[in-house]
Amino acid sequence: MIQIPFLKMHGCGNDFVVIDARAPDAIPGPTARLRGGDALGFRPNPQQAQAIADRHKGVGFDQLIVLEPSQQADVFMRILNADGSEAGACGNATRCIADLVMHETGRDQVTIQTIAGLLPAVRDTQDGNPEIRVNMGPVQTEWQAIPLAEDLDTTALPLSIEGLSQPVATSVGNPHCSFFVDDLSEALRDLIGPTIEHHPLFPERTNVQLIKVWDRQTIQILIWERGVGPTLASGSSSCATATAAMRRGLTDRSVRVLMPGGSVRIDWRDDGTVDMSGPYSYVFSATLLLDDHGLVDTPR
């Protein structure tokens, strides 16, 4: 049995278990008590991730975040989905981790490394609330970069399901498939989500969204997240849907994205990268008790 301290955090209801696997004396700060012992160098296997993700027998999360040392940034953020698969980027988690690292370093600007690249983050009070702005990098619109299984027009895929058609395909660290609708329906999202996630057109699977455009500055979305299912919010989905609406000419290049768990602001910059600004929240801290088979005992 091993004991792993953790933090529970969320961004707009998109919730995370955060484990700090760095050396205990690497960086002082609010996460120092999470490091060392069994957490040092901890790399959860898929069974452990799935067990922690269980909302009845474990803690529950959309993503498991493991902090590791980085030679290129302030920290490396490893992202595991609830099914144990690894994700390339998570915008809501990036804001949460950025706040942790800002407290550690005493700076208002830090860089988070993920397998999808380096993500600069700064404190942002533009909307009058404590927020963090993250540059999520370039929006990928070429079929190879998303990736798709074949060369297709990514602004209108020849894909139809349950009366929906011609979704937009995008990658913002993860692949996304976004359908425009007149009315948002959770039942419709839950019906098409699993099918589109595993559609052969997407060799690495895909996130799926329904988009309703309210005006040129506002869209509302529902999200089916790859490896997770329905989620209250998703940072990369917010970026993908906002830029999808912009590519279709339906909105301006700065929009507010409304989600069931909250909202973020997306700005598609002239350099092709996309900024996301939004809140971050702490929930609680505790300790996981894991056995070699990945089972989770009672957190305490």
C-alpha atoms as a PDB file:
ATOM      1  CA  MET A   1       0.000   0.000   0.000  1.00  0.00           C
ATOM      2  CA  ILE A   2       1.309   3.440  -0.893  1.00  0.00           C
ATOM      3  CA  GLN A   3       0.126   6.826   0.356  1.00  0.00           C
ATOM      4  CA  ILE A   4      -0.157   9.696  -2.153  1.00  0.00           C
ATOM      5  CA  PRO A   5      -1.145  13.220  -1.020  1.00  0.00           C
ATOM      6  CA  PHE A   6      -3.309  15.114  -3.511  1.00  0.00           C
ATOM      7  CA  LEU A   7      -5.267  18.294  -4.141  1.00  0.00           C
ATOM      8  CA  LYS A   8      -8.760  18.441  -5.626  1.00  0.00           C
ATOM      9  CA  MET A   9      -9.233  21.454  -7.929  1.00  0.00           C
ATOM     10  CA  HIS A  10     -11.579  22.506 -10.710  1.00  0.00           C
ATOM     11  CA  GLY A  11     -11.975  25.074 -13.463  1.00  0.00           C
ATOM     12  CA  CYS A  12     -15.627  25.815 -14.274  1.00  0.00           C
ATOM     13  CA  GLY A  13     -16.568  22.398 -12.853  1.00  0.00           C
ATOM     14  CA  ASN A  14     -13.992  20.532 -14.948  1.00  0.00           C
ATOM     15  CA  ASP A  15     -12.421  18.735 -11.969  1.00  0.00           C
ATOM     16  CA  PHE A  16      -8.954  17.399 -11.281  1.00  0.00           C
ATOM     17  CA  VAL A  17      -6.960  15.355  -8.813  1.00  0.00           C
ATOM     18  CA  VAL A  18      -3.493  16.933  -8.627  1.00  0.00           C
ATOM     19  CA  ILE A  19      -0.480  14.866  -7.528  1.00  0.00           C
ATOM     20  CA  ASP A  20       2.948  16.479  -7.141  1.00  0.00           C
ATOM     21  CA  ALA A  21       5.642  13.928  -8.041  1.00  0.00           C
ATOM     22  CA  ARG A  22       8.573  16.378  -7.849  1.00  0.00           C
ATOM     23  CA  ALA A  23      11.371  16.170  -5.276  1.00  0.00           C
ATOM     24  CA  PRO A  24      10.237  17.485  -1.849  1.00  0.00           C
ATOM     25  CA  ASP A  25      12.906  20.186  -1.669  1.00  0.00           C
ATOM     26  CA  ALA A  26      12.744  21.209  -5.339  1.00  0.00           C
ATOM     27  CA  ILE A  27      10.474  24.214  -4.905  1.00  0.00           C
ATOM     28  CA  PRO A  28       9.075  25.639  -1.667  1.00  0.00           C
ATOM     29  CA  GLY A  29       5.475  26.753  -1.621  1.00  0.00           C
ATOM     30  CA  PRO A  30       1.907  25.623  -1.009  1.00  0.00           C
ATOM     31  CA  THR A  31       2.408  22.247  -2.729  1.00  0.00           C
ATOM     32  CA  ALA A  32       5.540  21.308  -0.734  1.00  0.00           C
ATOM     33  CA  ARG A  33       3.516  19.157   1.649  1.00  0.00           C
ATOM     34  CA  LEU A  34       2.262  17.110  -1.326  1.00  0.00           C
ATOM     35  CA  ARG A  35       5.745  16.063  -2.356  1.00  0.00           C
ATOM     36  CA  GLY A  36       8.113  13.359  -1.203  1.00  0.00           C
ATOM     37  CA  GLY A  37       7.567   9.848   0.141  1.00  0.00           C
ATOM     38  CA  ASP A  38       5.430   7.693  -2.109  1.00  0.00           C
ATOM     39  CA  ALA A  39       4.559  10.664  -4.330  1.00  0.00           C
ATOM     40  CA  LEU A  40       8.166  11.160  -5.476  1.00  0.00           C
ATOM     41  CA  GLY A  41       8.386  10.026  -9.104  1.00  0.00           C
ATOM     42  CA  PHE A  42       4.864   8.556  -8.966  1.00  0.00           C
ATOM     43  CA  ARG A  43       3.528   7.606 -12.413  1.00  0.00           C
ATOM     44  CA  PRO A  44       0.034   6.125 -12.127  1.00  0.00           C
ATOM     45  CA  ASN A  45      -0.837   3.207 -14.373  1.00  0.00           C
ATOM     46  CA  PRO A  46      -4.224   3.126 -16.148  1.00  0.00           C
ATOM     47  CA  GLN A  47      -5.743   0.902 -13.466  1.00  0.00           C
ATOM     48  CA  GLN A  48      -4.730   3.304 -10.708  1.00  0.00           C
ATOM     49  CA  ALA A  49      -6.032   6.282 -12.685  1.00  0.00           C
ATOM     50  CA  GLN A  50      -9.366   4.550 -13.273  1.00  0.00           C
ATOM     51  CA  ALA A  51      -9.646   3.642  -9.591  1.00  0.00           C
ATOM     52  CA  ILE A  52      -8.968   7.201  -8.428  1.00  0.00           C
ATOM     53  CA  ALA A  53     -11.464   8.474 -11.026  1.00  0.00           C
ATOM     54  CA  ASP A  54     -14.278   6.308  -9.654  1.00  0.00           C
ATOM     55  CA  ARG A  55     -16.740   8.823  -8.159  1.00  0.00           C
ATOM     56  CA  HIS A  56     -18.228   6.185  -5.819  1.00  0.00           C
ATOM     57  CA  LYS A  57     -15.204   4.197  -4.601  1.00  0.00           C
ATOM     58  CA  GLY A  58     -12.418   6.704  -5.305  1.00  0.00           C
ATOM     59  CA  VAL A  59     -12.191  10.489  -5.437  1.00  0.00           C
ATOM     60  CA  GLY A  60     -13.575  11.248  -8.880  1.00  0.00           C
ATOM     61  CA  PHE A  61     -12.112  13.482 -11.571  1.00  0.00           C
ATOM     62  CA  ASP A  62     -12.278  14.379 -15.242  1.00  0.00           C
ATOM     63  CA  GLN A  63      -8.467  14.458 -15.414  1.00  0.00           C
ATOM     64  CA  LEU A  64      -5.652  13.273 -13.159  1.00  0.00           C
ATOM     65  CA  ILE A  65      -2.788  15.788 -13.151  1.00  0.00           C
ATOM     66  CA  VAL A  66       0.726  14.677 -12.192  1.00  0.00           C
ATOM     67  CA  LEU A  67       3.344  17.406 -11.757  1.00  0.00           C
ATOM     68  CA  GLU A  68       6.873  16.467 -12.832  1.00  0.00           C
ATOM     69  CA  PRO A  69      10.162  18.380 -13.216  1.00  0.00           C
ATOM     70  CA  SER A  70      10.766  20.247 -16.469  1.00  0.00           C
ATOM     71  CA  GLN A  71      13.957  21.482 -18.101  1.00  0.00           C
ATOM     72  CA  GLN A  72      12.015  23.809 -20.406  1.00  0.00           C
ATOM     73  CA  ALA A  73       9.330  25.316 -18.171  1.00  0.00           C
ATOM     74  CA  ASP A  74       8.383  25.894 -14.546  1.00  0.00           C
ATOM     75  CA  VAL A  75       6.733  22.473 -14.345  1.00  0.00           C
ATOM     76  CA  PHE A  76       5.705  19.557 -16.541  1.00  0.00           C
ATOM     77  CA  MET A  77       1.995  18.689 -16.325  1.00  0.00           C
ATOM     78  CA  ARG A  78       1.086  15.092 -17.213  1.00  0.00           C
ATOM     79  CA  ILE A  79      -2.629  14.659 -17.973  1.00  0.00           C
ATOM     80  CA  LEU A  80      -4.545  11.393 -17.650  1.00  0.00           C
ATOM     81  CA  ASN A  81      -8.223  11.025 -18.499  1.00  0.00           C
ATOM     82  CA  ALA A  82     -10.703   9.141 -16.340  1.00  0.00           C
ATOM     83  CA  ASP A  83     -10.212   6.010 -18.466  1.00  0.00           C
ATOM     84  CA  GLY A  84      -6.438   6.136 -17.912  1.00  0.00           C
ATOM     85  CA  SER A  85      -5.546   7.402 -21.395  1.00  0.00           C
ATOM     86  CA  GLU A  86      -3.137  10.325 -21.710  1.00  0.00           C
ATOM     87  CA  ALA A  87      -4.272  13.721 -23.019  1.00  0.00           C
ATOM     88  CA  GLY A  88      -2.131  16.313 -24.743  1.00  0.00           C
ATOM     89  CA  ALA A  89      -3.611  19.462 -23.220  1.00  0.00           C
ATOM     90  CA  CYS A  90      -6.178  20.630 -20.693  1.00  0.00           C
ATOM     91  CA  GLY A  91      -6.821  24.363 -20.517  1.00  0.00           C
ATOM     92  CA  ASN A  92      -8.817  24.365 -17.293  1.00  0.00           C
ATOM     93  CA  ALA A  93      -6.165  22.304 -15.522  1.00  0.00           C
ATOM     94  CA  THR A  94      -3.447  24.589 -16.882  1.00  0.00           C
ATOM     95  CA  ARG A  95      -5.060  27.584 -15.147  1.00  0.00           C
ATOM     96  CA  CYS A  96      -5.253  25.645 -11.862  1.00  0.00           C
ATOM     97  CA  ILE A  97      -1.647  24.492 -12.034  1.00  0.00           C
ATOM     98  CA  ALA A  98      -0.488  27.948 -13.105  1.00  0.00           C
ATOM     99  CA  ASP A  99      -1.950  29.406  -9.903  1.00  0.00           C
ATOM    100  CA  LEU A 100      -0.114  26.782  -7.824  1.00  0.00           C
ATOM    101  CA  VAL A 101       3.193  27.524  -9.541  1.00  0.00           C
ATOM    102  CA  MET A 102       2.658  31.296  -9.316  1.00  0.00           C
ATOM    103  CA  HIS A 103       2.343  30.928  -5.548  1.00  0.00           C
ATOM    104  CA  GLU A 104       5.509  28.798  -5.503  1.00  0.00           C
ATOM    105  CA  THR A 105       7.572  31.222  -7.568  1.00  0.00           C
ATOM    106  CA  GLY A 106       6.049  34.515  -6.430  1.00  0.00           C
ATOM    107  CA  ARG A 107       5.566  35.462 -10.078  1.00  0.00           C
ATOM    108  CA  ASP A 108       2.435  36.387 -12.019  1.00  0.00           C
ATOM    109  CA  GLN A 109       3.690  34.737 -15.193  1.00  0.00           C
ATOM    110  CA  VAL A 110       4.764  31.091 -15.537  1.00  0.00           C
ATOM    111  CA  THR A 111       5.090  28.442 -18.243  1.00  0.00           C
ATOM    112  CA  ILE A 112       3.525  24.982 -18.064  1.00  0.00           C
ATOM    113  CA  GLN A 113       4.907  22.160 -20.214  1.00  0.00           C
ATOM    114  CA  THR A 114       2.626  19.417 -21.565  1.00  0.00           C
ATOM    115  CA  ILE A 115       3.189  16.743 -24.195  1.00  0.00           C
ATOM    116  CA  ALA A 116       1.458  19.146 -26.597  1.00  0.00           C
ATOM    117  CA  GLY A 117       3.967  21.955 -25.952  1.00  0.00           C
ATOM    118  CA  LEU A 118       4.722  24.947 -23.732  1.00  0.00           C
ATOM    119  CA  LEU A 119       1.785  26.968 -22.380  1.00  0.00           C
ATOM    120  CA  PRO A 120       2.533  30.482 -21.026  1.00  0.00           C
ATOM    121  CA  ALA A 121       0.123  31.681 -18.329  1.00  0.00           C
ATOM    122  CA  VAL A 122      -0.396  35.092 -16.689  1.00  0.00           C
ATOM    123  CA  ARG A 123      -2.757  36.517 -14.090  1.00  0.00           C
ATOM    124  CA  ASP A 124      -5.663  38.290 -15.764  1.00  0.00           C
ATOM    125  CA  THR A 125      -8.112  40.689 -14.100  1.00  0.00           C
ATOM    126  CA  GLN A 126      -9.600  42.070 -17.301  1.00  0.00           C
ATOM    127  CA  ASP A 127     -13.117  40.943 -16.366  1.00  0.00           C
ATOM    128  CA  GLY A 128     -12.838  42.122 -12.752  1.00  0.00           C
ATOM    129  CA  ASN A 129     -12.479  38.618 -11.248  1.00  0.00           C
ATOM    130  CA  PRO A 130      -9.351  36.627 -10.350  1.00  0.00           C
ATOM    131  CA  GLU A 131      -8.580  34.751 -13.553  1.00  0.00           C
ATOM    132  CA  ILE A 132      -5.612  33.303 -15.369  1.00  0.00           C
ATOM    133  CA  ARG A 133      -4.978  33.681 -19.083  1.00  0.00           C
ATOM    134  CA  VAL A 134      -3.261  30.816 -20.873  1.00  0.00           C
ATOM    135  CA  ASN A 135      -1.896  30.867 -24.399  1.00  0.00           C
ATOM    136  CA  MET A 136      -2.961  27.447 -25.657  1.00  0.00           C
ATOM    137  CA  GLY A 137      -0.702  27.614 -28.706  1.00  0.00           C
ATOM    138  CA  PRO A 138      -1.626  27.453 -32.381  1.00  0.00           C
ATOM    139  CA  VAL A 139      -4.985  26.174 -33.557  1.00  0.00           C
ATOM    140  CA  GLN A 140      -4.391  23.245 -35.900  1.00  0.00           C
ATOM    141  CA  THR A 141      -6.793  23.059 -38.839  1.00  0.00           C
ATOM    142  CA  GLU A 142      -4.912  20.813 -41.296  1.00  0.00           C
ATOM    143  CA  TRP A 143      -6.250  17.266 -41.497  1.00  0.00           C
ATOM    144  CA  GLN A 144      -2.870  15.646 -40.750  1.00  0.00           C
ATOM    145  CA  ALA A 145      -2.370  17.697 -37.584  1.00  0.00           C
ATOM    146  CA  ILE A 146      -5.769  16.965 -36.025  1.00  0.00           C
ATOM    147  CA  PRO A 147      -5.370  14.082 -37.098  1.00  0.00           C
ATOM    148  CA  LEU A 148      -7.980  12.726 -39.510  1.00  0.00           C
ATOM    149  CA  ALA A 149      -7.757   9.401 -41.297  1.00  0.00           C
ATOM    150  CA  GLU A 150      -7.937  11.099 -44.716  1.00  0.00           C
ATOM    151  CA  ASP A 151      -7.609  14.459 -46.450  1.00  0.00           C
ATOM    152  CA  LEU A 152     -10.908  16.322 -45.941  1.00  0.00           C
ATOM    153  CA  ASP A 153     -12.165  19.890 -45.589  1.00  0.00           C
ATOM    154  CA  THR A 154     -11.923  20.418 -41.825  1.00  0.00           C
ATOM    155  CA  THR A 155     -14.400  23.319 -41.869  1.00  0.00           C
ATOM    156  CA  ALA A 156     -17.203  20.999 -43.042  1.00  0.00           C
ATOM    157  CA  LEU A 157     -16.535  17.290 -42.606  1.00  0.00           C
ATOM    158  CA  PRO A 158     -18.726  14.922 -44.678  1.00  0.00           C
ATOM    159  CA  LEU A 159     -20.092  13.404 -41.476  1.00  0.00           C
ATOM    160  CA  SER A 160     -23.767  13.099 -40.511  1.00  0.00           C
ATOM    161  CA  ILE A 161     -25.460  11.687 -37.418  1.00  0.00           C
ATOM    162  CA  GLU A 162     -28.913  12.104 -35.873  1.00  0.00           C
ATOM    163  CA  GLY A 163     -29.806  15.030 -38.125  1.00  0.00           C
ATOM    164  CA  LEU A 164     -26.479  16.820 -37.570  1.00  0.00           C
ATOM    165  CA  SER A 165     -23.950  17.256 -40.348  1.00  0.00           C
ATOM    166  CA  GLN A 166     -20.793  18.993 -41.541  1.00  0.00           C
ATOM    167  CA  PRO A 167     -18.980  19.442 -38.208  1.00  0.00           C
ATOM    168  CA  VAL A 168     -15.746  21.394 -37.892  1.00  0.00           C
ATOM    169  CA  ALA A 169     -12.569  19.493 -37.000  1.00  0.00           C
ATOM    170  CA  THR A 170      -9.828  21.213 -34.987  1.00  0.00           C
ATOM    171  CA  SER A 171      -6.884  20.371 -32.784  1.00  0.00           C
ATOM    172  CA  VAL A 172      -5.896  22.449 -29.762  1.00  0.00           C
ATOM    173  CA  GLY A 173      -3.541  19.911 -28.214  1.00  0.00           C
ATOM    174  CA  ASN A 174      -6.357  17.356 -28.589  1.00  0.00           C
ATOM    175  CA  PRO A 175      -8.632  16.524 -31.550  1.00  0.00           C
ATOM    176  CA  HIS A 176     -12.132  18.065 -31.581  1.00  0.00           C
ATOM    177  CA  CYS A 177     -15.274  17.577 -33.670  1.00  0.00           C
ATOM    178  CA  SER A 178     -17.823  20.401 -33.308  1.00  0.00           C
ATOM    179  CA  PHE A 179     -21.443  20.402 -34.529  1.00  0.00           C
ATOM    180  CA  PHE A 180     -23.549  23.582 -34.799  1.00  0.00           C
ATOM    181  CA  VAL A 181     -27.127  23.266 -33.494  1.00  0.00           C
ATOM    182  CA  ASP A 182     -30.164  25.484 -33.033  1.00  0.00           C
ATOM    183  CA  ASP A 183     -30.965  24.006 -29.612  1.00  0.00           C
ATOM    184  CA  LEU A 184     -28.600  22.372 -27.153  1.00  0.00           C
ATOM    185  CA  SER A 185     -29.598  18.905 -25.930  1.00  0.00           C
ATOM    186  CA  GLU A 186     -27.732  16.825 -23.373  1.00  0.00           C
ATOM    187  CA  ALA A 187     -29.587  13.751 -24.608  1.00  0.00           C
ATOM    188  CA  LEU A 188     -28.340  14.371 -28.154  1.00  0.00           C
ATOM    189  CA  ARG A 189     -24.779  14.964 -26.928  1.00  0.00           C
ATOM    190  CA  ASP A 190     -24.840  11.721 -24.944  1.00  0.00           C
ATOM    191  CA  LEU A 191     -26.272   9.872 -27.936  1.00  0.00           C
ATOM    192  CA  ILE A 192     -23.731  10.981 -30.537  1.00  0.00           C
ATOM    193  CA  GLY A 193     -20.723  11.479 -28.243  1.00  0.00           C
ATOM    194  CA  PRO A 194     -19.538   7.856 -27.966  1.00  0.00           C
ATOM    195  CA  THR A 195     -20.083   7.178 -31.666  1.00  0.00           C
ATOM    196  CA  ILE A 196     -18.199  10.237 -32.899  1.00  0.00           C
ATOM    197  CA  GLU A 197     -15.437   9.813 -30.297  1.00  0.00           C
ATOM    198  CA  HIS A 198     -14.634   6.389 -31.757  1.00  0.00           C
ATOM    199  CA  HIS A 199     -15.449   7.169 -35.408  1.00  0.00           C
ATOM    200  CA  PRO A 200     -12.806   5.725 -37.788  1.00  0.00           C
ATOM    201  CA  LEU A 201     -12.274   9.205 -39.228  1.00  0.00           C
ATOM    202  CA  PHE A 202     -10.451  10.051 -35.956  1.00  0.00           C
ATOM    203  CA  PRO A 203      -7.564   7.580 -35.451  1.00  0.00           C
ATOM    204  CA  GLU A 204      -6.733   9.060 -32.022  1.00  0.00           C
ATOM    205  CA  ARG A 205     -10.425   9.397 -31.059  1.00  0.00           C
ATOM    206  CA  THR A 206     -11.889  12.877 -30.573  1.00  0.00           C
ATOM    207  CA  ASN A 207     -13.680  15.248 -28.249  1.00  0.00           C
ATOM    208  CA  VAL A 208     -17.196  16.126 -29.403  1.00  0.00           C
ATOM    209  CA  GLN A 209     -19.142  19.369 -28.901  1.00  0.00           C
ATOM    210  CA  LEU A 210     -22.529  20.862 -29.706  1.00  0.00           C
ATOM    211  CA  ILE A 211     -22.410  24.636 -30.368  1.00  0.00           C
ATOM    212  CA  LYS A 212     -25.195  27.200 -30.221  1.00  0.00           C
ATOM    213  CA  VAL A 213     -24.225  30.685 -31.461  1.00  0.00           C
ATOM    214  CA  TRP A 214     -26.044  33.434 -29.537  1.00  0.00           C
ATOM    215  CA  ASP A 215     -24.373  36.453 -31.123  1.00  0.00           C
ATOM    216  CA  ARG A 216     -21.009  37.469 -32.552  1.00  0.00           C
ATOM    217  CA  GLN A 217     -19.438  37.595 -29.077  1.00  0.00           C
ATOM    218  CA  THR A 218     -21.147  34.632 -27.363  1.00  0.00           C
ATOM    219  CA  ILE A 219     -21.502  30.904 -27.933  1.00  0.00           C
ATOM    220  CA  GLN A 220     -22.805  28.130 -25.689  1.00  0.00           C
ATOM    221  CA  ILE A 221     -21.575  24.543 -25.819  1.00  0.00           C
ATOM    222  CA  LEU A 222     -22.112  21.033 -24.500  1.00  0.00           C
ATOM    223  CA  ILE A 223     -19.110  18.727 -24.307  1.00  0.00           C
ATOM    224  CA  TRP A 224     -18.392  15.033 -24.685  1.00  0.00           C
ATOM    225  CA  GLU A 225     -14.753  14.586 -23.679  1.00  0.00           C
ATOM    226  CA  ARG A 226     -12.563  11.878 -25.127  1.00  0.00           C
ATOM    227  CA  GLY A 227     -11.815   9.276 -22.461  1.00  0.00           C
ATOM    228  CA  VAL A 228     -14.172  10.905 -19.961  1.00  0.00           C
ATOM    229  CA  GLY A 229     -17.708  11.393 -21.297  1.00  0.00           C
ATOM    230  CA  PRO A 230     -19.947  14.375 -20.483  1.00  0.00           C
ATOM    231  CA  THR A 231     -18.089  17.197 -18.717  1.00  0.00           C
ATOM    232  CA  LEU A 232     -19.194  20.494 -17.211  1.00  0.00           C
ATOM    233  CA  ALA A 233     -16.373  22.353 -18.945  1.00  0.00           C
ATOM    234  CA  SER A 234     -13.293  21.890 -21.105  1.00  0.00           C
ATOM    235  CA  GLY A 235     -10.635  24.462 -21.905  1.00  0.00           C
ATOM    236  CA  SER A 236      -9.428  22.914 -25.149  1.00  0.00           C
ATOM    237  CA  SER A 237     -13.062  22.353 -26.219  1.00  0.00           C
ATOM    238  CA  SER A 238     -13.744  26.043 -25.552  1.00  0.00           C
ATOM    239  CA  CYS A 239     -10.841  27.005 -27.799  1.00  0.00           C
ATOM    240  CA  ALA A 240     -11.849  24.538 -30.503  1.00  0.00           C
ATOM    241  CA  THR A 241     -15.522  25.564 -30.596  1.00  0.00           C
ATOM    242  CA  ALA A 242     -14.778  29.288 -30.483  1.00  0.00           C
ATOM    243  CA  THR A 243     -12.333  29.054 -33.368  1.00  0.00           C
ATOM    244  CA  ALA A 244     -14.745  26.767 -35.254  1.00  0.00           C
ATOM    245  CA  ALA A 245     -17.400  29.499 -35.052  1.00  0.00           C
ATOM    246  CA  MET A 246     -14.817  32.076 -36.134  1.00  0.00           C
ATOM    247  CA  ARG A 247     -13.741  29.925 -39.094  1.00  0.00           C
ATOM    248  CA  ARG A 248     -17.367  29.702 -40.199  1.00  0.00           C
ATOM    249  CA  GLY A 249     -17.652  33.508 -39.986  1.00  0.00           C
ATOM    250  CA  LEU A 250     -20.326  33.322 -37.289  1.00  0.00           C
ATOM    251  CA  THR A 251     -18.488  35.250 -34.556  1.00  0.00           C
ATOM    252  CA  ASP A 252     -15.738  37.776 -33.978  1.00  0.00           C
ATOM    253  CA  ARG A 253     -12.239  36.701 -32.969  1.00  0.00           C
ATOM    254  CA  SER A 254     -12.992  37.274 -29.278  1.00  0.00           C
ATOM    255  CA  VAL A 255     -15.915  35.388 -27.741  1.00  0.00           C
ATOM    256  CA  ARG A 256     -17.352  34.312 -24.396  1.00  0.00           C
ATOM    257  CA  VAL A 257     -17.917  30.533 -24.263  1.00  0.00           C
ATOM    258  CA  LEU A 258     -20.746  29.446 -21.956  1.00  0.00           C
ATOM    259  CA  MET A 259     -20.616  25.915 -20.509  1.00  0.00           C
ATOM    260  CA  PRO A 260     -22.707  24.098 -17.887  1.00  0.00           C
ATOM    261  CA  GLY A 261     -19.990  24.693 -15.267  1.00  0.00           C
ATOM    262  CA  GLY A 262     -19.086  28.296 -16.085  1.00  0.00           C
ATOM    263  CA  SER A 263     -17.601  30.433 -18.837  1.00  0.00           C
ATOM    264  CA  VAL A 264     -14.252  31.425 -20.315  1.00  0.00           C
ATOM    265  CA  ARG A 265     -13.134  34.080 -22.771  1.00  0.00           C
ATOM    266  CA  ILE A 266     -11.376  32.966 -25.964  1.00  0.00           C
ATOM    267  CA  ASP A 267      -9.259  35.280 -28.120  1.00  0.00           C
ATOM    268  CA  TRP A 268      -7.864  34.017 -31.426  1.00  0.00           C
ATOM    269  CA  ARG A 269      -4.750  36.104 -31.917  1.00  0.00           C
ATOM    270  CA  ASP A 270      -3.337  37.382 -35.179  1.00  0.00           C
ATOM    271  CA  ASP A 271      -0.306  35.104 -34.745  1.00  0.00           C
ATOM    272  CA  GLY A 272      -2.590  32.035 -34.969  1.00  0.00           C
ATOM    273  CA  THR A 273      -2.412  31.125 -31.290  1.00  0.00           C
ATOM    274  CA  VAL A 274      -5.406  31.209 -28.985  1.00  0.00           C
ATOM    275  CA  ASP A 275      -5.707  32.777 -25.513  1.00  0.00           C
ATOM    276  CA  MET A 276      -8.119  31.414 -22.911  1.00  0.00           C
ATOM    277  CA  SER A 277      -9.017  33.358 -19.740  1.00  0.00           C
ATOM    278  CA  GLY A 278     -11.031  31.890 -16.897  1.00  0.00           C
ATOM    279  CA  PRO A 279     -11.313  31.022 -13.191  1.00  0.00           C
ATOM    280  CA  TYR A 280      -9.612  28.366 -11.050  1.00  0.00           C
ATOM    281  CA  SER A 281     -10.763  26.831  -7.762  1.00  0.00           C
ATOM    282  CA  TYR A 282      -9.411  24.775  -4.866  1.00  0.00           C
ATOM    283  CA  VAL A 283     -11.690  22.169  -3.273  1.00  0.00           C
ATOM    284  CA  PHE A 284      -9.804  20.069  -0.686  1.00  0.00           C
ATOM    285  CA  SER A 285      -6.648  18.060   0.009  1.00  0.00           C
ATOM    286  CA  ALA A 286      -6.336  14.502   1.297  1.00  0.00           C
ATOM    287  CA  THR A 287      -4.302  11.312   0.894  1.00  0.00           C
ATOM    288  CA  LEU A 288      -4.882   8.412  -1.479  1.00  0.00           C
ATOM    289  CA  LEU A 289      -4.193   4.862  -0.352  1.00  0.00           C
ATOM    290  CA  LEU A 290      -3.368   2.690  -3.361  1.00  0.00           C
ATOM    291  CA  ASP A 291      -2.453  -0.969  -3.652  1.00  0.00           C
ATOM    292  CA  ASP A 292      -0.465  -2.586  -6.446  1.00  0.00           C
ATOM    293  CA  HIS A 293      -3.653  -3.408  -8.343  1.00  0.00           C
ATOM    294  CA  GLY A 294      -4.768   0.196  -8.454  1.00  0.00           C
ATOM    295  CA  LEU A 295      -7.604  -0.137  -5.955  1.00  0.00           C
ATOM    296  CA  VAL A 296      -8.320   2.948  -3.889  1.00  0.00           C
ATOM    297  CA  ASP A 297      -8.939   2.708  -0.164  1.00  0.00           C
ATOM    298  CA  THR A 298     -10.721   5.406   1.797  1.00  0.00           C
ATOM    299  CA  PRO A 299      -9.100   8.851   1.355  1.00  0.00           C
ATOM    300  CA  ARG A 300      -8.146  10.384   4.693  1.00  0.00           C
END
